[in-house]
Amino acid sequence: MKNNKITKLNLDLVLKISDFPQLSGNLHNLNENRIFKYSFWEKVFLYWINVVLEKKNCELPKFIFEKKSFSLSLEIINNQEIAFMNQKWMKKKGPTDVLSFPIISDNNAMNELTLVELGDLFISLEMALEQSLEYKHSIEREMLWLASHGFLHLLGWEHNNEKELEEMLNFQEYLISRLD
């Protein structure tokens, strides 16, 4: 990762990973893959937070730029779990690749906290694996793509039209490219 400033920020990351016995044959050395490692995601999210904070033109609540501590949760789950959540919270049937539940607001009470709680991010490993095969890239690349998309939603990004979607997708590419 290109920037050493990530040490100036603190991240309280909760990482939960479901069991995937049905996928063990599809992912070589499942337990050794860094997408299942806390340290990998901690570095990724710290780096992305720093990149976003450096881009002062991001449309985020102003108080975020003054904070040094952030919190979020990432859960890597299966299709059944994400389909249940998709139906319950989004009123959509079937599995999806990523769901985000942001907490950030312009609420003055939130501004006073020393920690910025970003929210919860859920990624379906099964969907990520299918999409990595479809797009002919690694599972790590797909997980980064989905995590970056969800991360931007946690920060308040929306894509209600094609222009907003294109801007968001371009920024996702930018975030991922900065990791190299």
C-alpha atoms as a PDB file:
ATOM      1  CA  MET A   1       0.000   0.000   0.000  1.00  0.00           C
ATOM      2  CA  LYS A   2       1.388   3.303  -1.104  1.00  0.00           C
ATOM      3  CA  ASN A   3       0.674   5.552   1.871  1.00  0.00           C
ATOM      4  CA  ASN A   4       2.287   5.329   5.295  1.00  0.00           C
ATOM      5  CA  LYS A   5      -0.158   7.729   6.970  1.00  0.00           C
ATOM      6  CA  ILE A   6      -2.491   4.895   7.957  1.00  0.00           C
ATOM      7  CA  THR A   7      -0.697   4.660  11.292  1.00  0.00           C
ATOM      8  CA  LYS A   8      -2.166   8.061  12.225  1.00  0.00           C
ATOM      9  CA  LEU A   9      -5.674   6.605  12.156  1.00  0.00           C
ATOM     10  CA  ASN A  10      -7.298   4.035  14.410  1.00  0.00           C
ATOM     11  CA  LEU A  11      -9.757   1.444  13.232  1.00  0.00           C
ATOM     12  CA  ASP A  12     -11.971  -0.716  15.385  1.00  0.00           C
ATOM     13  CA  LEU A  13     -12.759  -3.481  12.906  1.00  0.00           C
ATOM     14  CA  VAL A  14     -15.004  -6.397  13.681  1.00  0.00           C
ATOM     15  CA  LEU A  15     -14.434  -9.232  11.204  1.00  0.00           C
ATOM     16  CA  LYS A  16     -16.717 -12.263  11.192  1.00  0.00           C
ATOM     17  CA  ILE A  17     -16.450 -15.123   8.740  1.00  0.00           C
ATOM     18  CA  SER A  18     -19.071 -17.822   8.298  1.00  0.00           C
ATOM     19  CA  ASP A  19     -18.146 -21.453   7.701  1.00  0.00           C
ATOM     20  CA  PHE A  20     -17.993 -22.504   4.051  1.00  0.00           C
ATOM     21  CA  PRO A  21     -17.565 -26.291   3.940  1.00  0.00           C
ATOM     22  CA  GLN A  22     -19.279 -26.414   0.524  1.00  0.00           C
ATOM     23  CA  LEU A  23     -16.602 -24.129  -0.976  1.00  0.00           C
ATOM     24  CA  SER A  24     -13.465 -25.785   0.375  1.00  0.00           C
ATOM     25  CA  GLY A  25     -12.775 -27.436  -3.001  1.00  0.00           C
ATOM     26  CA  ASN A  26     -13.183 -24.141  -4.885  1.00  0.00           C
ATOM     27  CA  LEU A  27     -10.750 -22.104  -2.815  1.00  0.00           C
ATOM     28  CA  HIS A  28      -7.273 -23.526  -2.531  1.00  0.00           C
ATOM     29  CA  ASN A  29      -5.861 -23.188   0.961  1.00  0.00           C
ATOM     30  CA  LEU A  30      -9.035 -21.503   2.203  1.00  0.00           C
ATOM     31  CA  ASN A  31      -7.592 -20.694   5.612  1.00  0.00           C
ATOM     32  CA  GLU A  32      -4.404 -19.271   4.123  1.00  0.00           C
ATOM     33  CA  ASN A  33      -6.127 -16.826   1.759  1.00  0.00           C
ATOM     34  CA  ARG A  34      -5.565 -13.303   3.046  1.00  0.00           C
ATOM     35  CA  ILE A  35      -9.180 -12.284   2.407  1.00  0.00           C
ATOM     36  CA  PHE A  36      -9.931 -14.246   5.580  1.00  0.00           C
ATOM     37  CA  LYS A  37      -7.320 -12.408   7.657  1.00  0.00           C
ATOM     38  CA  TYR A  38      -8.112  -9.575  10.037  1.00  0.00           C
ATOM     39  CA  SER A  39      -4.782  -7.849   9.331  1.00  0.00           C
ATOM     40  CA  PHE A  40      -5.514  -7.714   5.590  1.00  0.00           C
ATOM     41  CA  TRP A  41      -8.885  -5.995   6.010  1.00  0.00           C
ATOM     42  CA  GLU A  42      -7.620  -3.696   8.735  1.00  0.00           C
ATOM     43  CA  LYS A  43      -4.872  -2.404   6.418  1.00  0.00           C
ATOM     44  CA  VAL A  44      -7.264  -2.108   3.470  1.00  0.00           C
ATOM     45  CA  PHE A  45      -9.910  -0.132   5.354  1.00  0.00           C
ATOM     46  CA  LEU A  46      -7.373   2.086   7.133  1.00  0.00           C
ATOM     47  CA  TYR A  47      -5.799   2.858   3.796  1.00  0.00           C
ATOM     48  CA  TRP A  48      -9.132   3.594   2.126  1.00  0.00           C
ATOM     49  CA  ILE A  49     -10.232   5.842   5.003  1.00  0.00           C
ATOM     50  CA  ASN A  50      -7.003   7.758   4.659  1.00  0.00           C
ATOM     51  CA  VAL A  51      -7.440   8.103   0.877  1.00  0.00           C
ATOM     52  CA  VAL A  52     -10.970   9.436   1.361  1.00  0.00           C
ATOM     53  CA  LEU A  53      -9.851  11.894   4.056  1.00  0.00           C
ATOM     54  CA  GLU A  54      -7.100  13.195   1.770  1.00  0.00           C
ATOM     55  CA  LYS A  55      -9.658  13.919  -0.965  1.00  0.00           C
ATOM     56  CA  LYS A  56     -11.246  16.996   0.556  1.00  0.00           C
ATOM     57  CA  ASN A  57     -13.754  17.201  -2.308  1.00  0.00           C
ATOM     58  CA  CYS A  58     -15.605  14.085  -1.124  1.00  0.00           C
ATOM     59  CA  GLU A  59     -19.150  14.918  -0.116  1.00  0.00           C
ATOM     60  CA  LEU A  60     -19.058  13.667   3.461  1.00  0.00           C
ATOM     61  CA  PRO A  61     -20.271  15.204   6.693  1.00  0.00           C
ATOM     62  CA  LYS A  62     -17.625  17.780   7.676  1.00  0.00           C
ATOM     63  CA  PHE A  63     -16.991  16.282  11.124  1.00  0.00           C
ATOM     64  CA  ILE A  64     -15.517  13.123   9.560  1.00  0.00           C
ATOM     65  CA  PHE A  65     -12.470  15.021   8.335  1.00  0.00           C
ATOM     66  CA  GLU A  66     -11.610  15.955  11.925  1.00  0.00           C
ATOM     67  CA  LYS A  67     -11.698  12.390  13.288  1.00  0.00           C
ATOM     68  CA  LYS A  68      -8.854   9.942  13.744  1.00  0.00           C
ATOM     69  CA  SER A  69     -10.765   6.879  14.965  1.00  0.00           C
ATOM     70  CA  PHE A  70     -13.238   4.830  12.968  1.00  0.00           C
ATOM     71  CA  SER A  71     -15.233   1.663  13.474  1.00  0.00           C
ATOM     72  CA  LEU A  72     -16.937  -0.771  11.117  1.00  0.00           C
ATOM     73  CA  SER A  73     -17.831  -4.410  10.869  1.00  0.00           C
ATOM     74  CA  LEU A  74     -17.290  -6.742   7.930  1.00  0.00           C
ATOM     75  CA  GLU A  75     -18.997 -10.101   7.744  1.00  0.00           C
ATOM     76  CA  ILE A  76     -18.171 -12.605   5.030  1.00  0.00           C
ATOM     77  CA  ILE A  77     -21.277 -14.735   4.801  1.00  0.00           C
ATOM     78  CA  ASN A  78     -22.985 -17.297   2.570  1.00  0.00           C
ATOM     79  CA  ASN A  79     -25.814 -16.881   0.060  1.00  0.00           C
ATOM     80  CA  GLN A  80     -28.455 -18.125   2.455  1.00  0.00           C
ATOM     81  CA  GLU A  81     -27.504 -15.554   5.082  1.00  0.00           C
ATOM     82  CA  ILE A  82     -27.327 -12.640   2.648  1.00  0.00           C
ATOM     83  CA  ALA A  83     -30.596 -13.668   0.940  1.00  0.00           C
ATOM     84  CA  PHE A  84     -32.324 -13.575   4.331  1.00  0.00           C
ATOM     85  CA  MET A  85     -30.909 -10.103   5.042  1.00  0.00           C
ATOM     86  CA  ASN A  86     -31.723  -8.893   1.526  1.00  0.00           C
ATOM     87  CA  GLN A  87     -35.359  -9.928   1.977  1.00  0.00           C
ATOM     88  CA  LYS A  88     -35.688  -8.610   5.522  1.00  0.00           C
ATOM     89  CA  TRP A  89     -33.988  -5.243   5.123  1.00  0.00           C
ATOM     90  CA  MET A  90     -34.078  -4.448   1.405  1.00  0.00           C
ATOM     91  CA  LYS A  91     -37.359  -6.241   0.552  1.00  0.00           C
ATOM     92  CA  LYS A  92     -35.580  -8.006  -2.341  1.00  0.00           C
ATOM     93  CA  LYS A  93     -35.745 -11.721  -2.988  1.00  0.00           C
ATOM     94  CA  GLY A  94     -32.613 -13.861  -3.324  1.00  0.00           C
ATOM     95  CA  PRO A  95     -28.928 -13.394  -2.596  1.00  0.00           C
ATOM     96  CA  THR A  96     -26.940 -10.325  -3.505  1.00  0.00           C
ATOM     97  CA  ASP A  97     -23.184  -9.773  -3.479  1.00  0.00           C
ATOM     98  CA  VAL A  98     -22.863  -7.000  -0.890  1.00  0.00           C
ATOM     99  CA  LEU A  99     -25.070  -5.208   1.629  1.00  0.00           C
ATOM    100  CA  SER A 100     -24.158  -2.098   3.598  1.00  0.00           C
ATOM    101  CA  PHE A 101     -25.874  -0.582   6.591  1.00  0.00           C
ATOM    102  CA  PRO A 102     -24.366   2.876   7.192  1.00  0.00           C
ATOM    103  CA  ILE A 103     -24.584   4.707  10.486  1.00  0.00           C
ATOM    104  CA  ILE A 104     -22.976   8.049   9.559  1.00  0.00           C
ATOM    105  CA  SER A 105     -25.245  11.066   9.841  1.00  0.00           C
ATOM    106  CA  ASP A 106     -25.067  14.812  10.216  1.00  0.00           C
ATOM    107  CA  ASN A 107     -26.604  14.404  13.677  1.00  0.00           C
ATOM    108  CA  ASN A 108     -24.872  16.810  16.080  1.00  0.00           C
ATOM    109  CA  ALA A 109     -24.742  14.151  18.808  1.00  0.00           C
ATOM    110  CA  MET A 110     -22.679  11.953  16.469  1.00  0.00           C
ATOM    111  CA  ASN A 111     -20.290  14.854  15.789  1.00  0.00           C
ATOM    112  CA  GLU A 112     -19.248  14.935  19.441  1.00  0.00           C
ATOM    113  CA  LEU A 113     -18.105  11.305  19.520  1.00  0.00           C
ATOM    114  CA  THR A 114     -14.372  10.689  19.274  1.00  0.00           C
ATOM    115  CA  LEU A 115     -15.044   7.631  17.110  1.00  0.00           C
ATOM    116  CA  VAL A 116     -16.867   7.589  13.786  1.00  0.00           C
ATOM    117  CA  GLU A 117     -19.038   4.475  13.549  1.00  0.00           C
ATOM    118  CA  LEU A 118     -19.317   3.770   9.824  1.00  0.00           C
ATOM    119  CA  GLY A 119     -21.664   0.786   9.966  1.00  0.00           C
ATOM    120  CA  ASP A 120     -21.918  -2.839   8.913  1.00  0.00           C
ATOM    121  CA  LEU A 121     -20.823  -4.459   5.676  1.00  0.00           C
ATOM    122  CA  PHE A 122     -21.845  -7.949   4.518  1.00  0.00           C
ATOM    123  CA  ILE A 123     -20.321  -9.785   1.544  1.00  0.00           C
ATOM    124  CA  SER A 124     -21.493 -13.099   0.147  1.00  0.00           C
ATOM    125  CA  LEU A 125     -18.426 -15.226  -0.466  1.00  0.00           C
ATOM    126  CA  GLU A 126     -20.408 -17.479  -2.796  1.00  0.00           C
ATOM    127  CA  MET A 127     -21.493 -14.542  -4.966  1.00  0.00           C
ATOM    128  CA  ALA A 128     -17.956 -13.145  -4.916  1.00  0.00           C
ATOM    129  CA  LEU A 129     -16.576 -16.477  -6.077  1.00  0.00           C
ATOM    130  CA  GLU A 130     -19.143 -16.738  -8.893  1.00  0.00           C
ATOM    131  CA  GLN A 131     -18.425 -13.173 -10.020  1.00  0.00           C
ATOM    132  CA  SER A 132     -14.655 -13.658  -9.893  1.00  0.00           C
ATOM    133  CA  LEU A 133     -15.050 -16.584 -12.284  1.00  0.00           C
ATOM    134  CA  GLU A 134     -17.462 -14.638 -14.497  1.00  0.00           C
ATOM    135  CA  TYR A 135     -15.162 -11.589 -14.727  1.00  0.00           C
ATOM    136  CA  LYS A 136     -12.012 -13.736 -14.896  1.00  0.00           C
ATOM    137  CA  HIS A 137     -10.145 -12.246 -11.975  1.00  0.00           C
ATOM    138  CA  SER A 138      -9.102 -13.449  -8.531  1.00  0.00           C
ATOM    139  CA  ILE A 139     -11.406 -13.893  -5.562  1.00  0.00           C
ATOM    140  CA  GLU A 140      -9.283 -11.299  -3.744  1.00  0.00           C
ATOM    141  CA  ARG A 141      -9.898  -8.749  -6.508  1.00  0.00           C
ATOM    142  CA  GLU A 142     -13.646  -9.427  -6.377  1.00  0.00           C
ATOM    143  CA  MET A 143     -13.746  -9.184  -2.588  1.00  0.00           C
ATOM    144  CA  LEU A 144     -11.886  -5.858  -2.771  1.00  0.00           C
ATOM    145  CA  TRP A 145     -14.345  -4.645  -5.421  1.00  0.00           C
ATOM    146  CA  LEU A 146     -17.352  -5.578  -3.278  1.00  0.00           C
ATOM    147  CA  ALA A 147     -15.766  -4.250  -0.085  1.00  0.00           C
ATOM    148  CA  SER A 148     -14.941  -0.928  -1.755  1.00  0.00           C
ATOM    149  CA  HIS A 149     -18.512  -0.619  -3.022  1.00  0.00           C
ATOM    150  CA  GLY A 150     -19.951  -1.350   0.406  1.00  0.00           C
ATOM    151  CA  PHE A 151     -17.393   0.914   2.073  1.00  0.00           C
ATOM    152  CA  LEU A 152     -18.433   3.848  -0.096  1.00  0.00           C
ATOM    153  CA  HIS A 153     -22.081   3.201   0.815  1.00  0.00           C
ATOM    154  CA  LEU A 154     -21.042   3.279   4.491  1.00  0.00           C
ATOM    155  CA  LEU A 155     -19.636   6.743   3.807  1.00  0.00           C
ATOM    156  CA  GLY A 156     -22.954   7.867   2.337  1.00  0.00           C
ATOM    157  CA  TRP A 157     -22.315   7.410  -1.382  1.00  0.00           C
ATOM    158  CA  GLU A 158     -25.398   6.569  -3.419  1.00  0.00           C
ATOM    159  CA  HIS A 159     -26.007   5.709  -7.047  1.00  0.00           C
ATOM    160  CA  ASN A 160     -29.534   6.732  -7.936  1.00  0.00           C
ATOM    161  CA  ASN A 161     -28.709   7.305 -11.602  1.00  0.00           C
ATOM    162  CA  GLU A 162     -26.111   6.259 -14.189  1.00  0.00           C
ATOM    163  CA  LYS A 163     -23.882   9.291 -13.590  1.00  0.00           C
ATOM    164  CA  GLU A 164     -23.673   8.642  -9.833  1.00  0.00           C
ATOM    165  CA  LEU A 165     -23.039   4.946 -10.442  1.00  0.00           C
ATOM    166  CA  GLU A 166     -20.240   5.702 -12.898  1.00  0.00           C
ATOM    167  CA  GLU A 167     -18.613   8.133 -10.438  1.00  0.00           C
ATOM    168  CA  MET A 168     -18.853   5.566  -7.652  1.00  0.00           C
ATOM    169  CA  LEU A 169     -17.431   2.746  -9.776  1.00  0.00           C
ATOM    170  CA  ASN A 170     -14.564   4.976 -10.914  1.00  0.00           C
ATOM    171  CA  PHE A 171     -13.769   5.856  -7.299  1.00  0.00           C
ATOM    172  CA  GLN A 172     -13.854   2.165  -6.382  1.00  0.00           C
ATOM    173  CA  GLU A 173     -11.257   1.513  -9.100  1.00  0.00           C
ATOM    174  CA  TYR A 174      -9.208   4.383  -7.718  1.00  0.00           C
ATOM    175  CA  LEU A 175      -9.327   2.972  -4.160  1.00  0.00           C
ATOM    176  CA  ILE A 176      -8.297  -0.496  -5.320  1.00  0.00           C
ATOM    177  CA  SER A 177      -5.542   0.822  -7.605  1.00  0.00           C
ATOM    178  CA  ARG A 178      -4.045   2.722  -4.688  1.00  0.00           C
ATOM    179  CA  LEU A 179      -3.531  -0.566  -2.826  1.00  0.00           C
ATOM    180  CA  ASP A 180      -1.031  -1.826  -5.401  1.00  0.00           C
END
